Amino acid sequence: MEFSSLSDSAVLAELGERIRRERLNQNRTQAELAADARVGLNVIKRLETGDGCTVSSLIRIARALGKIDALDTLFPEPGVSPLQLARLAGRRRKQASGGRGRRKGSGNG
């Protein structure tokens, strides 16, 4: 599925449907999943109908469904570019340098 062409609400609806199908594939009721994920039953109902939920609830639900490791596919470890690696020379980057595209004295700060 090409998610980039979908609206936010369509992505939420698809995510909810996939979670519903996974829950059913595991032969679990909404109440069982809610109890295992330590979220309210309404959280499961809202998510499955495309209304969404908090990120914290989504993490609990993914864990309860045995899908928490799939988050690594969503946000893989970005690593460090060779150029940054040479600049850092053993130091780990802690923040962005910012200011790209800004000229000194442009009045943006």
N, C-alpha and C. Protein backbone atom coordinates (compact mmCIF):
# COMPACT_ATOMS: atom_id res chain seq x y z
N MET A 1 0.84 -1.18 0.00
CA MET A 1 0.00 0.00 0.00
C MET A 1 0.89 1.25 0.00
N GLU A 2 0.49 2.21 -0.75
CA GLU A 2 1.22 3.48 -0.87
C GLU A 2 0.66 4.48 0.13
N PHE A 3 1.23 4.52 1.33
CA PHE A 3 0.72 5.39 2.38
C PHE A 3 0.93 6.86 2.07
N SER A 4 1.93 7.20 1.29
CA SER A 4 2.22 8.61 1.03
C SER A 4 1.09 9.31 0.28
N SER A 5 0.27 8.56 -0.42
CA SER A 5 -0.83 9.17 -1.16
C SER A 5 -2.11 9.25 -0.34
N LEU A 6 -2.10 8.72 0.89
CA LEU A 6 -3.29 8.71 1.73
C LEU A 6 -3.33 9.91 2.68
N SER A 7 -4.52 10.32 3.02
CA SER A 7 -4.68 11.38 4.03
C SER A 7 -4.37 10.78 5.40
N ASP A 8 -4.17 11.64 6.39
CA ASP A 8 -3.90 11.17 7.75
C ASP A 8 -5.02 10.28 8.26
N SER A 9 -6.26 10.67 8.00
CA SER A 9 -7.39 9.87 8.48
C SER A 9 -7.45 8.52 7.78
N ALA A 10 -7.06 8.46 6.52
CA ALA A 10 -7.03 7.19 5.79
C ALA A 10 -5.92 6.28 6.33
N VAL A 11 -4.79 6.87 6.70
CA VAL A 11 -3.71 6.08 7.30
C VAL A 11 -4.16 5.51 8.64
N LEU A 12 -4.83 6.33 9.46
CA LEU A 12 -5.35 5.86 10.75
C LEU A 12 -6.36 4.73 10.54
N ALA A 13 -7.22 4.86 9.55
CA ALA A 13 -8.20 3.81 9.26
C ALA A 13 -7.52 2.51 8.85
N GLU A 14 -6.49 2.61 8.01
CA GLU A 14 -5.76 1.41 7.57
C GLU A 14 -5.01 0.78 8.74
N LEU A 15 -4.38 1.60 9.56
CA LEU A 15 -3.67 1.08 10.73
C LEU A 15 -4.65 0.37 11.66
N GLY A 16 -5.80 0.98 11.91
CA GLY A 16 -6.81 0.36 12.76
C GLY A 16 -7.30 -0.96 12.20
N GLU A 17 -7.50 -1.02 10.90
CA GLU A 17 -7.95 -2.26 10.25
C GLU A 17 -6.88 -3.35 10.36
N ARG A 18 -5.62 -2.98 10.19
CA ARG A 18 -4.54 -3.98 10.31
C ARG A 18 -4.42 -4.51 11.73
N ILE A 19 -4.60 -3.63 12.70
CA ILE A 19 -4.56 -4.06 14.10
C ILE A 19 -5.75 -4.97 14.40
N ARG A 20 -6.91 -4.64 13.88
CA ARG A 20 -8.10 -5.47 14.07
C ARG A 20 -7.89 -6.86 13.48
N ARG A 21 -7.35 -6.91 12.24
CA ARG A 21 -7.10 -8.21 11.60
C ARG A 21 -6.07 -9.02 12.38
N GLU A 22 -5.02 -8.37 12.88
CA GLU A 22 -4.01 -9.09 13.67
C GLU A 22 -4.62 -9.63 14.96
N ARG A 23 -5.45 -8.82 15.59
CA ARG A 23 -6.12 -9.27 16.82
C ARG A 23 -6.99 -10.49 16.52
N LEU A 24 -7.75 -10.43 15.43
CA LEU A 24 -8.61 -11.56 15.06
C LEU A 24 -7.79 -12.78 14.66
N ASN A 25 -6.68 -12.58 13.96
CA ASN A 25 -5.79 -13.69 13.61
C ASN A 25 -5.27 -14.40 14.86
N GLN A 26 -5.11 -13.64 15.93
CA GLN A 26 -4.66 -14.21 17.20
C GLN A 26 -5.84 -14.71 18.04
N ASN A 27 -7.05 -14.62 17.47
CA ASN A 27 -8.28 -15.09 18.12
C ASN A 27 -8.48 -14.46 19.50
N ARG A 28 -8.32 -13.13 19.52
CA ARG A 28 -8.48 -12.40 20.78
C ARG A 28 -9.62 -11.40 20.64
N THR A 29 -10.34 -11.20 21.72
CA THR A 29 -11.39 -10.18 21.73
C THR A 29 -10.76 -8.82 21.99
N GLN A 30 -11.54 -7.78 21.73
CA GLN A 30 -11.07 -6.44 22.03
C GLN A 30 -10.80 -6.30 23.53
N ALA A 31 -11.66 -6.89 24.34
CA ALA A 31 -11.49 -6.81 25.80
C ALA A 31 -10.21 -7.51 26.25
N GLU A 32 -9.89 -8.65 25.64
CA GLU A 32 -8.66 -9.37 26.00
C GLU A 32 -7.43 -8.55 25.63
N LEU A 33 -7.44 -7.97 24.43
CA LEU A 33 -6.31 -7.15 24.01
C LEU A 33 -6.16 -5.93 24.90
N ALA A 34 -7.27 -5.30 25.23
CA ALA A 34 -7.23 -4.13 26.10
C ALA A 34 -6.62 -4.49 27.45
N ALA A 35 -7.02 -5.62 28.01
CA ALA A 35 -6.49 -6.05 29.31
C ALA A 35 -5.00 -6.36 29.21
N ASP A 36 -4.61 -7.07 28.16
CA ASP A 36 -3.19 -7.42 27.98
C ASP A 36 -2.32 -6.19 27.75
N ALA A 37 -2.88 -5.20 27.05
CA ALA A 37 -2.13 -3.97 26.74
C ALA A 37 -2.24 -2.94 27.86
N ARG A 38 -3.07 -3.21 28.85
CA ARG A 38 -3.30 -2.27 29.96
C ARG A 38 -3.79 -0.92 29.45
N VAL A 39 -4.75 -0.98 28.53
CA VAL A 39 -5.43 0.21 28.04
C VAL A 39 -6.93 -0.04 28.17
N GLY A 40 -7.72 1.00 28.08
CA GLY A 40 -9.16 0.86 28.16
C GLY A 40 -9.72 0.22 26.90
N LEU A 41 -10.86 -0.44 27.05
CA LEU A 41 -11.52 -1.07 25.91
C LEU A 41 -11.85 -0.04 24.84
N ASN A 42 -12.23 1.17 25.25
CA ASN A 42 -12.54 2.22 24.27
C ASN A 42 -11.32 2.61 23.44
N VAL A 43 -10.13 2.47 23.99
CA VAL A 43 -8.90 2.76 23.22
C VAL A 43 -8.81 1.80 22.04
N ILE A 44 -9.05 0.52 22.30
CA ILE A 44 -9.00 -0.48 21.22
C ILE A 44 -10.10 -0.20 20.20
N LYS A 45 -11.30 0.06 20.67
CA LYS A 45 -12.42 0.33 19.77
C LYS A 45 -12.14 1.55 18.90
N ARG A 46 -11.65 2.61 19.50
CA ARG A 46 -11.36 3.83 18.73
C ARG A 46 -10.24 3.61 17.71
N LEU A 47 -9.21 2.90 18.12
CA LEU A 47 -8.09 2.64 17.22
C LEU A 47 -8.56 1.81 16.02
N GLU A 48 -9.32 0.76 16.30
CA GLU A 48 -9.76 -0.12 15.22
C GLU A 48 -10.75 0.54 14.27
N THR A 49 -11.41 1.59 14.70
CA THR A 49 -12.34 2.30 13.81
C THR A 49 -11.67 3.50 13.14
N GLY A 50 -10.36 3.66 13.35
CA GLY A 50 -9.62 4.71 12.67
C GLY A 50 -9.58 6.04 13.39
N ASP A 51 -10.01 6.05 14.66
CA ASP A 51 -9.99 7.30 15.41
C ASP A 51 -8.64 7.57 16.07
N GLY A 52 -7.74 6.60 16.06
CA GLY A 52 -6.40 6.79 16.60
C GLY A 52 -6.33 6.62 18.10
N CYS A 53 -5.14 6.80 18.62
CA CYS A 53 -4.87 6.70 20.06
C CYS A 53 -3.54 7.40 20.32
N THR A 54 -3.14 7.43 21.57
CA THR A 54 -1.85 8.04 21.89
C THR A 54 -0.73 7.10 21.46
N VAL A 55 0.45 7.64 21.30
CA VAL A 55 1.61 6.83 20.96
C VAL A 55 1.88 5.81 22.07
N SER A 56 1.73 6.23 23.31
CA SER A 56 1.94 5.34 24.45
C SER A 56 1.00 4.14 24.38
N SER A 57 -0.27 4.37 24.06
CA SER A 57 -1.22 3.27 23.93
C SER A 57 -0.86 2.38 22.75
N LEU A 58 -0.44 2.98 21.64
CA LEU A 58 -0.05 2.19 20.47
C LEU A 58 1.13 1.28 20.80
N ILE A 59 2.08 1.78 21.57
CA ILE A 59 3.23 0.96 21.98
C ILE A 59 2.76 -0.22 22.84
N ARG A 60 1.86 0.04 23.77
CA ARG A 60 1.34 -1.04 24.63
C ARG A 60 0.59 -2.08 23.80
N ILE A 61 -0.19 -1.62 22.83
CA ILE A 61 -0.95 -2.52 21.98
C ILE A 61 -0.02 -3.35 21.11
N ALA A 62 0.99 -2.70 20.52
CA ALA A 62 1.96 -3.42 19.71
C ALA A 62 2.68 -4.48 20.53
N ARG A 63 3.03 -4.15 21.75
CA ARG A 63 3.70 -5.11 22.63
C ARG A 63 2.76 -6.29 22.95
N ALA A 64 1.51 -5.99 23.25
CA ALA A 64 0.54 -7.04 23.58
C ALA A 64 0.27 -7.96 22.39
N LEU A 65 0.37 -7.42 21.18
CA LEU A 65 0.17 -8.22 19.98
C LEU A 65 1.44 -8.94 19.54
N GLY A 66 2.55 -8.69 20.25
CA GLY A 66 3.82 -9.32 19.88
C GLY A 66 4.46 -8.67 18.66
N LYS A 67 4.14 -7.41 18.42
CA LYS A 67 4.63 -6.70 17.23
C LYS A 67 5.54 -5.53 17.57
N ILE A 68 6.01 -5.43 18.79
CA ILE A 68 6.81 -4.28 19.20
C ILE A 68 8.10 -4.16 18.39
N ASP A 69 8.69 -5.29 18.00
CA ASP A 69 9.94 -5.23 17.22
C ASP A 69 9.72 -4.66 15.82
N ALA A 70 8.48 -4.62 15.35
CA ALA A 70 8.19 -4.05 14.03
C ALA A 70 8.45 -2.54 14.01
N LEU A 71 8.51 -1.91 15.19
CA LEU A 71 8.80 -0.48 15.23
C LEU A 71 10.20 -0.18 14.71
N ASP A 72 11.09 -1.16 14.78
CA ASP A 72 12.43 -0.96 14.25
C ASP A 72 12.40 -0.78 12.73
N THR A 73 11.43 -1.39 12.08
CA THR A 73 11.26 -1.20 10.65
C THR A 73 10.75 0.20 10.35
N LEU A 74 9.89 0.69 11.21
CA LEU A 74 9.32 2.03 11.02
C LEU A 74 10.38 3.11 11.21
N PHE A 75 11.17 2.98 12.27
CA PHE A 75 12.22 3.95 12.57
C PHE A 75 13.53 3.23 12.83
N PRO A 76 14.23 2.80 11.77
CA PRO A 76 15.51 2.11 11.99
C PRO A 76 16.57 3.05 12.54
N GLU A 77 17.56 2.48 13.19
CA GLU A 77 18.69 3.27 13.70
C GLU A 77 19.33 3.98 12.51
N PRO A 78 19.38 5.33 12.52
CA PRO A 78 19.87 6.05 11.35
C PRO A 78 21.37 5.94 11.12
N GLY A 79 22.14 5.67 12.15
CA GLY A 79 23.58 5.60 11.97
C GLY A 79 24.18 6.98 11.75
N VAL A 80 25.45 7.01 11.50
CA VAL A 80 26.17 8.27 11.30
C VAL A 80 26.80 8.23 9.92
N SER A 81 26.69 9.33 9.19
CA SER A 81 27.28 9.39 7.86
C SER A 81 28.80 9.38 7.98
N PRO A 82 29.50 8.90 6.96
CA PRO A 82 30.98 8.89 7.00
C PRO A 82 31.57 10.28 7.22
N LEU A 83 30.95 11.30 6.67
CA LEU A 83 31.44 12.66 6.85
C LEU A 83 31.31 13.09 8.31
N GLN A 84 30.16 12.81 8.92
CA GLN A 84 29.98 13.13 10.33
C GLN A 84 30.95 12.33 11.19
N LEU A 85 31.14 11.08 10.83
CA LEU A 85 32.05 10.21 11.58
C LEU A 85 33.46 10.78 11.60
N ALA A 86 33.92 11.29 10.46
CA ALA A 86 35.25 11.88 10.39
C ALA A 86 35.33 13.14 11.26
N ARG A 87 34.26 13.95 11.23
CA ARG A 87 34.25 15.18 12.03
C ARG A 87 34.20 14.89 13.53
N LEU A 88 33.42 13.90 13.89
CA LEU A 88 33.24 13.61 15.31
C LEU A 88 34.46 12.94 15.92
N ALA A 89 35.16 12.16 15.14
CA ALA A 89 36.38 11.46 15.59
C ALA A 89 36.20 10.85 16.98
N GLY A 90 35.18 10.00 17.10
CA GLY A 90 34.97 9.28 18.35
C GLY A 90 33.94 9.89 19.27
N ARG A 91 33.56 11.14 19.04
CA ARG A 91 32.53 11.76 19.88
C ARG A 91 31.16 11.48 19.27
N ARG A 92 30.18 11.28 20.10
CA ARG A 92 28.82 11.02 19.63
C ARG A 92 28.06 12.34 19.53
N ARG A 93 27.39 12.54 18.42
CA ARG A 93 26.63 13.76 18.18
C ARG A 93 25.45 13.84 19.16
N LYS A 94 25.26 15.00 19.79
CA LYS A 94 24.20 15.17 20.79
C LYS A 94 23.11 16.10 20.33
N GLN A 95 23.39 16.99 19.38
CA GLN A 95 22.36 17.90 18.89
C GLN A 95 22.72 18.38 17.50
N ALA A 96 21.72 18.89 16.80
CA ALA A 96 21.93 19.42 15.45
C ALA A 96 22.63 20.77 15.55
N SER A 97 23.38 21.09 14.52
CA SER A 97 24.09 22.36 14.52
C SER A 97 23.16 23.52 14.22
N GLY A 98 22.08 23.27 13.49
CA GLY A 98 21.12 24.32 13.18
C GLY A 98 21.72 25.36 12.27
N GLY A 99 20.93 26.32 11.90
CA GLY A 99 21.42 27.45 11.14
C GLY A 99 21.69 27.20 9.67
N ARG A 100 21.36 26.01 9.17
CA ARG A 100 21.59 25.79 7.74
C ARG A 100 20.70 26.71 6.93
N GLY A 101 21.26 27.31 5.94
CA GLY A 101 20.51 28.19 5.07
C GLY A 101 20.33 29.59 5.62
N ARG A 102 20.78 29.84 6.82
CA ARG A 102 20.68 31.17 7.40
C ARG A 102 22.01 31.90 7.20
N ARG A 103 21.91 33.16 6.95
CA ARG A 103 23.13 33.97 6.84
C ARG A 103 23.25 34.80 8.09
N LYS A 104 24.47 35.01 8.51
CA LYS A 104 24.70 35.85 9.68
C LYS A 104 24.17 37.24 9.43
N GLY A 105 23.50 37.78 10.46
CA GLY A 105 23.00 39.14 10.36
C GLY A 105 21.72 39.26 9.55
N SER A 106 21.02 38.14 9.31
CA SER A 106 19.81 38.21 8.50
C SER A 106 18.60 38.61 9.31
N GLY A 107 18.76 38.75 10.65
CA GLY A 107 17.66 39.17 11.49
C GLY A 107 16.74 38.04 11.90
N ASN A 108 17.15 36.80 11.73
CA ASN A 108 16.31 35.65 12.09
C ASN A 108 16.63 35.12 13.48
N GLY A 109 17.02 35.85 14.36
CA GLY A 109 17.38 35.22 15.61
C GLY A 109 17.49 36.17 16.68
